[in-house]
Amino acid sequence: MTLRQKILLLGLTAIVGMAFGLWRQHIYHAAELDAVETMARNGEAVAALSAVAHELQRERGFTTYALAGALPPATLAEEIARTDAALARLDRTGLTPPNLRAILAALRQAVTTGDLAPLVARDDFSVMLRMIIDEMARLAREPAATLAREEVAAHAHLVAMKEFLGQARATVVYWIANPRDERRALDSLMRIKTLFDEEQRKFALQAAPRLKEALHARFSGPEVEATLETLLLAVADGRLPERLDARAWLAMATVAIDRLFELENHSLRQIEAKVASRLDELRGEITLGLAATLAATLFVAALTLSATVSLLRALQRTLSGMERIAASRDFGSRIPVAAPDEIGRIARSFNELLEIAEGLLREKEHLAATDPLTGVSNRLRFAQVLAEEARRKRRNKTPMALVIFDIDRFKRINDSFGHNVGDAVLKHLAQLVAAQIRSTDFFGRWGGEEFILLLRDESCDAAFATAEKLRKLIADADFPSVGAITCSFGVTAWQEDDTATSLIARADEALYAAKQNGRNRTTCDRPPGTGCPGLAACGRPPVLPLALAEAAHRD
């Protein structure tokens, strides 16, 4: 692809990118809008659930009263009709809890036949109401409910408060109608009062300040105070107020429950208002955002086309130089500078960068491949060269040998003369060996006082001769501050099934053997049975115990 095509493609990419950004913004806003609309639908569902919960609580109170024989059947029938109407509204949201209608139908049938105890009826209604509250809690946990999560959760606690107050209403009715079963009614009422207080505490933690203020303002009055005082007296003293009849209690407790229901409606209106406000705000943001993005897209498209045409004309003068450099990867080349315009300035700056890059690359390559103390190749560079040679040997089957040597008792030099003298010995040794090897050989520092020499296209015998030559050269040399030192050498040759790792391992074994056999000698590792005529120190060294080998290598 030519530079002209790349610039055109860049301009097209910019335009497509802006269009893609516009599309992504639309998708994002659409997803957020869908979440808010889902929350609005969930708000309607919460309202329907609240209505069903309220009517079930009322029906529970009337049912408990009817089972006690103190309520006209017509009153219960009217409440059943109200509950069914609320259930029909809930059915339209598609969120009616499973089995709710089946449980309610079975309960009503048992009430009709008189086969149901009042407290059992209360508990069955409580199961259905718990299903309603759980469904509200589930809606509050949905990802789409993030906008009004706390409000919906507070609303669920409010419904639960009303539910436990409804249970208390039914329990007291039962207590009044069955005074002999006072113990059972009291135990039940104590549990219900505890749950009511806990839901009130959670509501106070979750609700917004305005909703908590609304609770204090609306959940008040003589009937509410009398209801709560009755429950408190029953729980604290184990008795009901004197002359409290079922009808008066039912009317009083119903007022308190209705007050909580009014607060529920207030809470729902707040949720609906918040969702509606966010919905309007979001629609405005979407309109404004899409308009701004569209304008920016058109502006960038026009600017991109204009800049592309101008840039193509200017770059034509330097195109050949840049193509040459890009093709050759030669950082020593330079772009011809002919024009004084912006492209000429770019070309001059680019040439300066090429000079800097060239120098940095040379420096980096040198530092990456050189041992900083001795100036010879480091272990990383040697390993790279050895791996390349190993691949070549597997292809052409030519010989190759490896020599590893290190300074005998080098630790004593450091201990006796100091590390600075030890470093000077290493540098002098590296210079001495580097001056004696051929240009085709590759020499490096393997680590510490250990050095390694790769002899390309040489046999083990030739490598042994080279190692002996170097050993004698080192032994006869004079080292500053130290005098004479000696080195032990390990030699091995490339075998057909070798890898770089196995070749180094055999040379190491030979070096260990040279150390064990007295140091200042050369040991050649050869395959068993091949012999090594003329090389007195040659022969496969024994496998040393690990501790002994490490000790020999360290010293």
Protein backbone atom coordinates (compact mmCIF):
# COMPACT_ATOMS: atom_id res chain seq x y z
CA MET A 1 0.00 0.00 0.00
CA THR A 2 1.43 3.38 -1.00
CA LEU A 3 1.80 6.32 1.32
CA ARG A 4 -0.93 8.12 -0.59
CA GLN A 5 -3.27 5.19 -0.03
CA LYS A 6 -2.34 5.11 3.65
CA ILE A 7 -3.15 8.78 4.08
CA LEU A 8 -6.44 8.33 2.25
CA LEU A 9 -7.15 5.30 4.40
CA LEU A 10 -6.27 7.34 7.50
CA GLY A 11 -8.75 10.02 6.49
CA LEU A 12 -11.41 7.42 5.79
CA THR A 13 -10.64 5.71 9.10
CA ALA A 14 -11.08 9.00 10.95
CA ILE A 15 -14.46 9.57 9.33
CA VAL A 16 -15.56 5.99 9.97
CA GLY A 17 -14.23 6.23 13.52
CA MET A 18 -16.31 9.31 14.21
CA ALA A 19 -19.35 7.61 12.71
CA PHE A 20 -18.65 4.56 14.83
CA GLY A 21 -18.34 6.79 17.90
CA LEU A 22 -21.67 8.35 17.02
CA TRP A 23 -23.22 4.91 16.72
CA ARG A 24 -21.63 3.75 19.99
CA GLN A 25 -22.93 6.83 21.75
CA HIS A 26 -26.38 6.07 20.43
CA ILE A 27 -26.11 2.46 21.64
CA TYR A 28 -24.92 3.63 25.08
CA HIS A 29 -27.73 6.14 25.46
CA ALA A 30 -30.24 3.62 24.16
CA ALA A 31 -29.07 1.10 26.77
CA GLU A 32 -29.29 3.70 29.54
CA LEU A 33 -32.68 4.80 28.28
CA ASP A 34 -33.85 1.19 28.25
CA ALA A 35 -32.62 0.77 31.84
CA VAL A 36 -34.56 3.84 32.98
CA GLU A 37 -37.66 2.69 31.10
CA THR A 38 -37.28 -0.73 32.71
CA MET A 39 -37.08 0.99 36.08
CA ALA A 40 -40.24 2.88 35.22
CA ARG A 41 -41.99 -0.38 34.41
CA ASN A 42 -40.65 -1.90 37.62
CA GLY A 43 -42.01 1.11 39.48
CA GLU A 44 -45.45 0.31 38.11
CA ALA A 45 -44.95 -3.30 39.19
CA VAL A 46 -43.92 -2.20 42.71
CA ALA A 47 -47.08 -0.11 42.90
CA ALA A 48 -49.19 -3.10 41.84
CA LEU A 49 -47.40 -5.35 44.35
CA SER A 50 -47.99 -2.79 47.10
CA ALA A 51 -51.70 -2.67 46.27
CA VAL A 52 -51.98 -6.46 46.38
CA ALA A 53 -50.09 -6.57 49.68
CA HIS A 54 -52.42 -3.98 51.18
CA GLU A 55 -55.56 -5.81 50.12
CA LEU A 56 -54.21 -9.19 51.27
CA GLN A 57 -53.48 -7.65 54.66
CA ARG A 58 -57.00 -6.30 54.86
CA GLU A 59 -58.45 -9.63 53.78
CA ARG A 60 -56.32 -11.38 56.39
CA GLY A 61 -57.74 -9.15 59.11
CA PHE A 62 -61.32 -9.65 57.98
CA THR A 63 -60.74 -13.40 57.54
CA THR A 64 -59.33 -13.77 61.05
CA TYR A 65 -62.26 -11.79 62.42
CA ALA A 66 -64.75 -13.85 60.41
CA LEU A 67 -63.26 -17.11 61.69
CA ALA A 68 -63.78 -15.74 65.18
CA GLY A 69 -67.45 -15.28 64.28
CA ALA A 70 -67.52 -11.52 64.69
CA LEU A 71 -67.68 -10.24 61.11
CA PRO A 72 -70.61 -10.23 58.67
CA PRO A 73 -69.89 -12.41 55.58
CA ALA A 74 -70.72 -9.52 53.28
CA THR A 75 -67.81 -7.47 54.61
CA LEU A 76 -65.35 -10.30 53.88
CA ALA A 77 -66.84 -10.78 50.43
CA GLU A 78 -66.35 -7.09 49.64
CA GLU A 79 -62.70 -7.32 50.66
CA ILE A 80 -62.18 -10.45 48.55
CA ALA A 81 -63.48 -8.53 45.54
CA ARG A 82 -61.00 -5.70 46.25
CA THR A 83 -58.13 -8.20 46.52
CA ASP A 84 -59.09 -9.82 43.21
CA ALA A 85 -59.13 -6.41 41.51
CA ALA A 86 -55.62 -5.67 42.81
CA LEU A 87 -54.43 -9.11 41.63
CA ALA A 88 -55.82 -8.44 38.16
CA ARG A 89 -53.75 -5.25 37.99
CA LEU A 90 -50.66 -7.18 39.11
CA ASP A 91 -51.27 -9.87 36.48
CA ARG A 92 -50.99 -7.22 33.76
CA THR A 93 -47.36 -6.50 34.82
CA GLY A 94 -46.42 -10.18 34.39
CA LEU A 95 -44.79 -10.25 37.85
CA THR A 96 -47.38 -12.17 39.88
CA PRO A 97 -45.41 -14.56 42.15
CA PRO A 98 -45.90 -18.23 41.15
CA ASN A 99 -48.52 -20.20 43.09
CA LEU A 100 -49.87 -17.03 44.72
CA ARG A 101 -53.36 -17.47 43.28
CA ALA A 102 -53.38 -21.20 44.02
CA ILE A 103 -52.49 -20.61 47.68
CA LEU A 104 -55.10 -17.89 47.98
CA ALA A 105 -57.83 -20.02 46.38
CA ALA A 106 -57.09 -22.96 48.70
CA LEU A 107 -57.11 -20.64 51.71
CA ARG A 108 -60.45 -19.09 50.78
CA GLN A 109 -61.96 -22.53 50.25
CA ALA A 110 -60.81 -23.63 53.72
CA VAL A 111 -62.29 -20.45 55.22
CA THR A 112 -65.61 -21.11 53.46
CA THR A 113 -65.83 -24.65 54.82
CA GLY A 114 -64.70 -23.56 58.28
CA ASP A 115 -61.78 -26.01 58.28
CA LEU A 116 -59.17 -23.40 59.19
CA ALA A 117 -57.97 -22.04 62.52
CA PRO A 118 -57.57 -18.24 62.73
CA LEU A 119 -53.81 -18.33 63.35
CA VAL A 120 -53.28 -20.81 60.53
CA ALA A 121 -55.17 -18.46 58.22
CA ARG A 122 -53.00 -15.62 59.44
CA ASP A 123 -49.82 -17.58 58.69
CA ASP A 124 -51.04 -18.60 55.23
CA PHE A 125 -51.73 -14.98 54.37
CA SER A 126 -48.28 -14.10 55.74
CA VAL A 127 -46.68 -16.60 53.35
CA MET A 128 -48.34 -14.88 50.38
CA LEU A 129 -47.34 -11.46 51.65
CA ARG A 130 -43.75 -12.62 52.07
CA MET A 131 -43.83 -13.66 48.41
CA ILE A 132 -44.97 -10.16 47.49
CA ILE A 133 -42.20 -8.52 49.57
CA ASP A 134 -39.56 -10.87 48.15
CA GLU A 135 -40.62 -9.91 44.63
CA MET A 136 -40.15 -6.23 45.53
CA ALA A 137 -36.70 -6.98 46.92
CA ARG A 138 -35.81 -8.84 43.71
CA LEU A 139 -36.81 -5.84 41.63
CA ALA A 140 -34.57 -3.64 43.81
CA ARG A 141 -31.59 -5.94 43.12
CA GLU A 142 -31.98 -5.92 39.33
CA PRO A 143 -29.19 -4.13 37.38
CA ALA A 144 -31.79 -1.82 35.85
CA ALA A 145 -32.83 -0.68 39.35
CA THR A 146 -29.60 1.24 39.98
CA LEU A 147 -31.35 4.59 39.54
CA ALA A 148 -33.81 4.06 42.41
CA ARG A 149 -32.31 1.06 44.19
CA GLU A 150 -32.31 2.63 47.66
CA GLU A 151 -35.82 4.02 47.23
CA VAL A 152 -37.24 0.64 46.15
CA ALA A 153 -35.41 -1.12 49.00
CA ALA A 154 -36.80 1.39 51.52
CA HIS A 155 -40.24 0.90 50.03
CA ALA A 156 -39.93 -2.87 50.50
CA HIS A 157 -39.08 -2.35 54.20
CA LEU A 158 -42.10 -0.07 54.48
CA VAL A 159 -44.35 -2.78 53.02
CA ALA A 160 -42.79 -5.30 55.42
CA MET A 161 -43.57 -2.97 58.36
CA LYS A 162 -47.18 -2.82 57.24
CA GLU A 163 -47.21 -6.58 56.80
CA PHE A 164 -46.06 -7.28 60.36
CA LEU A 165 -48.52 -4.71 61.67
CA GLY A 166 -51.20 -6.61 59.76
CA GLN A 167 -50.07 -9.86 61.36
CA ALA A 168 -50.27 -8.19 64.74
CA ARG A 169 -53.79 -6.99 63.97
CA ALA A 170 -54.93 -10.54 63.13
CA THR A 171 -53.15 -12.01 66.17
CA VAL A 172 -54.81 -9.61 68.61
CA VAL A 173 -58.21 -10.37 67.05
CA TYR A 174 -57.54 -14.05 67.67
CA TRP A 175 -56.40 -13.33 71.25
CA ILE A 176 -59.57 -11.40 72.01
CA ALA A 177 -61.75 -14.16 70.53
CA ASN A 178 -59.79 -16.97 72.22
CA PRO A 179 -58.58 -15.75 75.62
CA ARG A 180 -57.81 -19.31 76.71
CA ASP A 181 -55.09 -19.48 74.02
CA GLU A 182 -53.40 -16.39 75.44
CA ARG A 183 -49.93 -17.97 75.69
CA ARG A 184 -49.81 -18.92 72.05
CA ALA A 185 -51.10 -15.55 70.90
CA LEU A 186 -48.62 -13.70 73.11
CA ASP A 187 -45.62 -15.67 71.83
CA SER A 188 -46.69 -15.01 68.28
CA LEU A 189 -47.24 -11.31 68.98
CA MET A 190 -43.80 -10.94 70.57
CA ARG A 191 -42.15 -12.41 67.45
CA ILE A 192 -44.20 -10.15 65.17
CA LYS A 193 -43.36 -7.05 67.22
CA THR A 194 -39.65 -7.85 67.00
CA LEU A 195 -39.85 -8.25 63.22
CA PHE A 196 -41.82 -5.02 62.92
CA ASP A 197 -39.16 -3.12 64.90
CA GLU A 198 -36.38 -4.63 62.76
CA GLU A 199 -38.05 -3.58 59.51
CA GLN A 200 -38.57 -0.10 60.94
CA ARG A 201 -34.85 0.06 61.75
CA LYS A 202 -33.86 -1.03 58.24
CA PHE A 203 -36.26 1.48 56.76
CA ALA A 204 -34.63 4.26 58.79
CA LEU A 205 -31.20 3.22 57.46
CA GLN A 206 -32.28 2.93 53.82
CA ALA A 207 -34.84 5.67 53.34
CA ALA A 208 -34.07 9.18 52.14
CA PRO A 209 -34.43 11.98 54.74
CA ARG A 210 -37.67 13.25 53.19
CA LEU A 211 -39.26 9.82 53.32
CA LYS A 212 -38.25 9.38 56.97
CA GLU A 213 -39.79 12.76 57.72
CA ALA A 214 -42.95 11.62 55.93
CA LEU A 215 -43.05 8.51 58.13
CA HIS A 216 -42.96 10.60 61.31
CA ALA A 217 -45.61 12.98 59.93
CA ARG A 218 -48.06 10.45 58.47
CA PHE A 219 -47.66 7.46 60.78
CA SER A 220 -49.10 9.33 63.75
CA GLY A 221 -52.40 10.24 65.38
CA PRO A 222 -54.52 8.79 68.19
CA GLU A 223 -55.29 5.52 66.40
CA VAL A 224 -51.62 4.88 65.52
CA GLU A 225 -50.45 5.70 69.02
CA ALA A 226 -53.16 3.51 70.57
CA THR A 227 -52.25 0.63 68.25
CA LEU A 228 -48.55 0.78 69.07
CA GLU A 229 -49.26 1.20 72.80
CA THR A 230 -51.52 -1.88 72.72
CA LEU A 231 -48.76 -3.95 71.10
CA LEU A 232 -46.16 -2.61 73.52
CA LEU A 233 -48.40 -3.38 76.54
CA ALA A 234 -49.08 -6.89 75.27
CA VAL A 235 -45.38 -7.62 74.72
CA ALA A 236 -44.14 -5.94 77.91
CA ASP A 237 -46.85 -7.03 80.39
CA GLY A 238 -48.34 -10.06 78.63
CA ARG A 239 -51.86 -8.62 78.61
CA LEU A 240 -54.21 -6.56 76.49
CA PRO A 241 -55.81 -3.26 77.57
CA GLU A 242 -59.03 -3.65 79.56
CA ARG A 243 -62.32 -3.44 77.69
CA LEU A 244 -60.61 -3.84 74.29
CA ASP A 245 -63.08 -5.56 71.97
CA ALA A 246 -62.28 -7.06 68.59
CA ARG A 247 -64.26 -4.54 66.53
CA ALA A 248 -62.65 -1.52 68.19
CA TRP A 249 -59.17 -3.07 67.84
CA LEU A 250 -59.75 -3.93 64.20
CA ALA A 251 -60.89 -0.39 63.40
CA MET A 252 -57.98 1.16 65.29
CA ALA A 253 -55.29 -1.11 63.81
CA THR A 254 -56.77 -0.69 60.34
CA VAL A 255 -56.33 3.07 60.59
CA ALA A 256 -52.65 2.56 61.49
CA ILE A 257 -52.19 0.18 58.57
CA ASP A 258 -53.96 2.61 56.24
CA ARG A 259 -51.56 5.34 57.35
CA LEU A 260 -48.64 3.12 56.37
CA PHE A 261 -50.40 2.46 53.08
CA GLU A 262 -50.64 6.21 52.50
CA LEU A 263 -46.91 6.41 53.15
CA GLU A 264 -46.38 3.60 50.65
CA ASN A 265 -48.25 5.60 48.03
CA HIS A 266 -46.13 8.63 48.89
CA SER A 267 -42.98 6.52 48.48
CA LEU A 268 -44.20 5.21 45.12
CA ARG A 269 -44.87 8.75 43.92
CA GLN A 270 -41.30 9.72 44.85
CA ILE A 271 -39.91 6.74 42.93
CA GLU A 272 -42.07 7.51 39.92
CA ALA A 273 -41.09 11.21 40.02
CA LYS A 274 -37.39 10.37 40.22
CA VAL A 275 -37.59 7.92 37.33
CA ALA A 276 -39.68 10.31 35.21
CA SER A 277 -37.26 13.17 35.91
CA ARG A 278 -34.26 11.04 34.95
CA LEU A 279 -36.11 9.85 31.85
CA ASP A 280 -36.74 13.42 30.69
CA GLU A 281 -33.19 14.43 31.57
CA LEU A 282 -31.76 11.46 29.71
CA ARG A 283 -33.80 12.14 26.60
CA GLY A 284 -32.51 15.72 26.59
CA GLU A 285 -28.93 14.51 27.04
CA ILE A 286 -29.35 12.04 24.20
CA THR A 287 -30.69 14.70 21.84
CA LEU A 288 -27.98 17.19 22.75
CA GLY A 289 -25.22 14.58 22.71
CA LEU A 290 -26.19 13.16 19.36
CA ALA A 291 -26.46 16.64 17.86
CA ALA A 292 -23.02 17.64 19.19
CA THR A 293 -21.43 14.40 18.06
CA LEU A 294 -22.98 14.68 14.61
CA ALA A 295 -21.70 18.26 14.25
CA ALA A 296 -18.23 17.18 15.42
CA THR A 297 -18.29 14.26 12.99
CA LEU A 298 -19.11 16.52 10.05
CA PHE A 299 -16.45 19.03 11.09
CA VAL A 300 -13.78 16.35 11.50
CA ALA A 301 -14.75 14.77 8.18
CA ALA A 302 -14.35 18.10 6.36
CA LEU A 303 -11.11 18.87 8.16
CA THR A 304 -9.77 15.38 7.47
CA LEU A 305 -10.50 15.63 3.74
CA SER A 306 -8.85 19.05 3.53
CA ALA A 307 -5.78 18.00 5.49
CA THR A 308 -5.45 14.76 3.54
CA VAL A 309 -5.34 16.52 0.19
CA SER A 310 -2.78 19.08 1.42
CA LEU A 311 -0.66 16.45 3.10
CA LEU A 312 -0.59 14.22 0.03
CA ARG A 313 0.71 17.05 -2.12
CA ALA A 314 3.42 17.99 0.36
CA LEU A 315 4.51 14.43 1.13
CA GLN A 316 5.06 13.66 -2.53
CA ARG A 317 8.42 15.46 -2.34
CA THR A 318 9.70 13.19 0.46
CA LEU A 319 7.87 10.01 -0.49
CA SER A 320 10.76 8.27 -2.19
CA GLY A 321 13.14 8.84 0.75
CA MET A 322 10.67 7.58 3.32
CA GLU A 323 9.83 4.51 1.20
CA ARG A 324 13.51 3.69 0.92
CA ILE A 325 14.05 3.94 4.66
CA ALA A 326 10.86 1.99 5.43
CA ALA A 327 11.88 -0.76 2.99
CA SER A 328 15.52 -1.04 4.04
CA ARG A 329 15.12 -0.36 7.76
CA ASP A 330 18.44 1.42 7.43
CA PHE A 331 18.58 4.08 10.11
CA GLY A 332 21.81 5.36 8.60
CA SER A 333 19.91 6.67 5.58
CA ARG A 334 18.50 10.17 5.50
CA ILE A 335 15.47 11.77 3.86
CA PRO A 336 16.37 14.38 1.22
CA VAL A 337 15.39 17.88 2.35
CA ALA A 338 14.46 20.12 -0.57
CA ALA A 339 11.52 22.25 0.55
CA PRO A 340 11.48 24.90 3.31
CA ASP A 341 7.83 24.24 4.16
CA GLU A 342 6.40 22.23 7.05
CA ILE A 343 7.15 18.92 5.34
CA GLY A 344 10.77 20.04 4.95
CA ARG A 345 10.89 20.79 8.67
CA ILE A 346 9.39 17.39 9.35
CA ALA A 347 12.02 15.76 7.14
CA ARG A 348 14.86 17.58 8.92
CA SER A 349 13.45 16.67 12.33
CA PHE A 350 12.98 13.10 11.19
CA ASN A 351 16.61 12.95 10.05
CA GLU A 352 17.71 14.20 13.47
CA LEU A 353 15.58 11.51 15.11
CA LEU A 354 17.15 8.92 12.80
CA GLU A 355 20.60 9.99 13.97
CA ILE A 356 19.55 9.76 17.61
CA ALA A 357 17.83 6.40 17.04
CA GLU A 358 20.85 5.03 15.21
CA GLY A 359 23.14 5.99 18.07
CA LEU A 360 20.78 4.61 20.69
CA LEU A 361 20.36 1.31 18.83
CA ARG A 362 24.11 0.90 18.52
CA GLU A 363 24.54 1.68 22.20
CA LYS A 364 21.69 -0.60 23.20
CA GLU A 365 22.99 -3.49 21.12
CA HIS A 366 26.45 -3.03 22.56
CA LEU A 367 25.20 -2.86 26.16
CA ALA A 368 22.83 -5.79 25.72
CA ALA A 369 25.57 -8.03 24.29
CA THR A 370 28.64 -6.92 26.29
CA ASP A 371 29.86 -7.78 29.76
CA PRO A 372 30.38 -4.37 31.42
CA LEU A 373 33.48 -5.46 33.38
CA THR A 374 35.58 -7.35 30.83
CA GLY A 375 34.26 -5.86 27.60
CA VAL A 376 33.72 -9.31 26.01
CA SER A 377 30.32 -10.80 25.09
CA ASN A 378 28.00 -11.52 27.99
CA ARG A 379 26.12 -14.71 28.76
CA LEU A 380 22.93 -13.60 27.01
CA ARG A 381 24.74 -12.80 23.77
CA PHE A 382 26.78 -16.01 23.94
CA ALA A 383 23.61 -18.07 24.46
CA GLN A 384 22.05 -16.44 21.38
CA VAL A 385 25.10 -17.18 19.20
CA LEU A 386 25.34 -20.74 20.49
CA ALA A 387 21.64 -21.35 19.73
CA GLU A 388 22.13 -20.04 16.19
CA GLU A 389 25.20 -22.23 15.65
CA ALA A 390 23.36 -25.25 17.06
CA ARG A 391 20.59 -24.78 14.49
CA ARG A 392 23.21 -24.48 11.74
CA LYS A 393 25.04 -27.62 12.89
CA ARG A 394 21.82 -29.64 12.79
CA ARG A 395 21.45 -28.63 9.12
CA ASN A 396 25.00 -28.98 7.74
CA LYS A 397 26.42 -31.64 10.16
CA THR A 398 29.80 -29.86 10.48
CA PRO A 399 31.88 -30.07 13.68
CA MET A 400 31.86 -27.56 16.51
CA ALA A 401 33.55 -27.48 19.91
CA LEU A 402 32.99 -25.67 23.19
CA VAL A 403 35.51 -24.71 25.88
CA ILE A 404 34.56 -23.59 29.39
CA PHE A 405 37.25 -22.42 31.81
CA ASP A 406 37.48 -20.53 35.04
CA ILE A 407 40.15 -19.17 37.37
CA ASP A 408 41.42 -21.58 40.02
CA ARG A 409 40.88 -20.44 43.58
CA PHE A 410 39.55 -17.07 42.50
CA LYS A 411 37.82 -16.60 45.83
CA ARG A 412 41.22 -16.48 47.50
CA ILE A 413 42.23 -13.63 45.22
CA ASN A 414 39.17 -11.63 46.23
CA ASP A 415 39.65 -12.46 49.89
CA SER A 416 43.38 -11.67 49.87
CA PHE A 417 43.59 -8.68 47.54
CA GLY A 418 40.04 -7.33 47.42
CA HIS A 419 37.35 -7.30 44.77
CA ASN A 420 38.95 -4.46 42.83
CA VAL A 421 42.06 -6.58 42.23
CA GLY A 422 39.79 -9.51 41.37
CA ASP A 423 38.01 -7.39 38.77
CA ALA A 424 41.39 -6.31 37.32
CA VAL A 425 42.40 -9.98 37.01
CA LEU A 426 39.16 -10.78 35.15
CA LYS A 427 39.68 -7.88 32.73
CA HIS A 428 43.33 -8.76 32.08
CA LEU A 429 42.43 -12.43 31.52
CA ALA A 430 39.66 -11.52 29.06
CA GLN A 431 42.02 -9.25 27.10
CA LEU A 432 44.72 -11.93 27.05
CA VAL A 433 42.39 -14.62 25.68
CA ALA A 434 40.61 -12.29 23.23
CA ALA A 435 43.99 -11.40 21.67
CA GLN A 436 44.85 -15.08 21.04
CA ILE A 437 41.67 -16.49 19.47
CA ARG A 438 40.63 -16.36 15.84
CA SER A 439 38.09 -13.95 14.42
CA THR A 440 35.75 -16.90 13.72
CA ASP A 441 35.78 -17.97 17.37
CA PHE A 442 33.26 -16.49 19.80
CA PHE A 443 34.42 -15.63 23.31
CA GLY A 444 32.39 -14.46 26.27
CA ARG A 445 32.07 -14.29 30.03
CA TRP A 446 29.73 -17.00 31.29
CA GLY A 447 29.47 -15.70 34.85
CA GLY A 448 31.67 -14.77 37.82
CA GLU A 449 35.21 -16.02 37.06
CA GLU A 450 33.96 -18.45 34.38
CA PHE A 451 34.49 -17.86 30.63
CA ILE A 452 33.31 -19.75 27.57
CA LEU A 453 34.72 -20.13 24.05
CA LEU A 454 32.85 -21.39 20.98
CA LEU A 455 35.06 -22.85 18.22
CA ARG A 456 33.06 -22.95 15.01
CA ASP A 457 33.84 -25.83 12.64
CA GLU A 458 36.47 -27.32 14.98
CA SER A 459 36.80 -30.88 16.33
CA CYS A 460 37.31 -31.84 19.94
CA ASP A 461 41.05 -32.46 19.33
CA ALA A 462 41.54 -28.98 17.88
CA ALA A 463 39.53 -27.48 20.73
CA PHE A 464 41.68 -29.36 23.22
CA ALA A 465 44.83 -28.01 21.60
CA THR A 466 43.43 -24.47 21.72
CA ALA A 467 42.46 -24.89 25.38
CA GLU A 468 45.94 -26.16 26.27
CA LYS A 469 47.49 -23.24 24.45
CA LEU A 470 45.37 -20.79 26.40
CA ARG A 471 45.97 -22.58 29.70
CA LYS A 472 49.75 -22.36 29.30
CA LEU A 473 49.48 -18.75 28.13
CA ILE A 474 47.54 -17.81 31.27
CA ALA A 475 49.82 -19.75 33.58
CA ASP A 476 52.89 -17.96 32.16
CA ALA A 477 51.32 -14.50 32.24
CA ASP A 478 51.90 -11.92 34.96
CA PHE A 479 48.74 -10.41 36.46
CA PRO A 480 48.85 -7.03 38.24
CA SER A 481 49.06 -7.25 42.06
CA VAL A 482 48.57 -11.03 41.93
CA GLY A 483 51.38 -12.45 39.84
CA ALA A 484 50.60 -15.87 38.42
CA ILE A 485 47.20 -17.52 38.24
CA THR A 486 45.99 -20.76 36.69
CA CYS A 487 42.78 -21.86 35.01
CA SER A 488 40.99 -25.18 34.59
CA PHE A 489 39.46 -26.01 31.20
CA GLY A 490 36.59 -28.26 30.12
CA VAL A 491 36.29 -29.21 26.44
CA THR A 492 33.51 -30.97 24.53
CA ALA A 493 32.45 -31.36 20.90
CA TRP A 494 29.07 -31.16 19.14
CA GLN A 495 27.21 -34.45 18.76
CA GLU A 496 24.42 -35.26 16.35
CA ASP A 497 21.67 -35.34 18.98
CA ASP A 498 23.00 -32.36 20.94
CA THR A 499 21.23 -29.21 22.02
CA ALA A 500 22.85 -26.02 23.26
CA THR A 501 21.93 -27.03 26.81
CA SER A 502 23.41 -30.54 26.59
CA LEU A 503 26.61 -29.23 24.97
CA ILE A 504 27.16 -26.75 27.81
CA ALA A 505 26.31 -29.41 30.41
CA ARG A 506 29.05 -31.76 29.07
CA ALA A 507 31.61 -28.96 29.00
CA ASP A 508 30.67 -28.17 32.60
CA GLU A 509 31.19 -31.82 33.56
CA ALA A 510 34.63 -31.74 31.96
CA LEU A 511 35.46 -28.53 33.87
CA TYR A 512 34.35 -30.13 37.14
CA ALA A 513 36.61 -33.11 36.39
CA ALA A 514 39.57 -30.81 35.73
CA LYS A 515 38.92 -29.14 39.08
CA GLN A 516 38.70 -32.48 40.88
CA ASN A 517 41.86 -33.81 39.28
CA GLY A 518 44.06 -31.02 40.55
CA ARG A 519 43.15 -27.86 38.60
CA ASN A 520 45.37 -26.08 36.03
CA ARG A 521 44.53 -28.74 33.46
CA THR A 522 42.31 -29.40 30.48
CA THR A 523 39.75 -32.20 30.46
CA CYS A 524 38.04 -33.27 27.24
CA ASP A 525 34.63 -34.89 27.32
CA ARG A 526 34.23 -37.54 24.62
CA PRO A 527 31.54 -40.20 23.96
CA PRO A 528 32.42 -43.51 25.65
CA GLY A 529 34.57 -45.82 23.50
CA THR A 530 35.85 -43.21 21.01
CA GLY A 531 39.16 -42.68 22.79
CA CYS A 532 41.32 -39.63 22.69
CA PRO A 533 44.82 -40.59 21.47
CA GLY A 534 47.59 -38.18 22.31
CA LEU A 535 45.51 -36.29 24.92
CA ALA A 536 46.65 -37.39 28.33
CA ALA A 537 43.98 -35.52 30.22
CA CYS A 538 41.22 -36.62 27.90
CA GLY A 539 38.55 -39.09 28.94
CA ARG A 540 34.97 -38.85 30.08
CA PRO A 541 35.09 -37.49 33.63
CA PRO A 542 33.24 -39.34 36.34
CA VAL A 543 29.93 -37.93 37.51
CA LEU A 544 30.71 -35.99 40.65
CA PRO A 545 28.53 -35.90 43.72
CA LEU A 546 26.52 -32.67 43.64
CA ALA A 547 28.07 -31.17 46.77
CA LEU A 548 31.61 -32.00 45.62
CA ALA A 549 30.98 -30.62 42.14
CA GLU A 550 29.58 -27.37 43.50
CA ALA A 551 32.51 -27.01 45.89
CA ALA A 552 35.02 -27.63 43.11
CA HIS A 553 33.27 -25.14 40.83
CA ARG A 554 33.14 -22.43 43.49
CA ASP A 555 36.89 -22.69 44.20
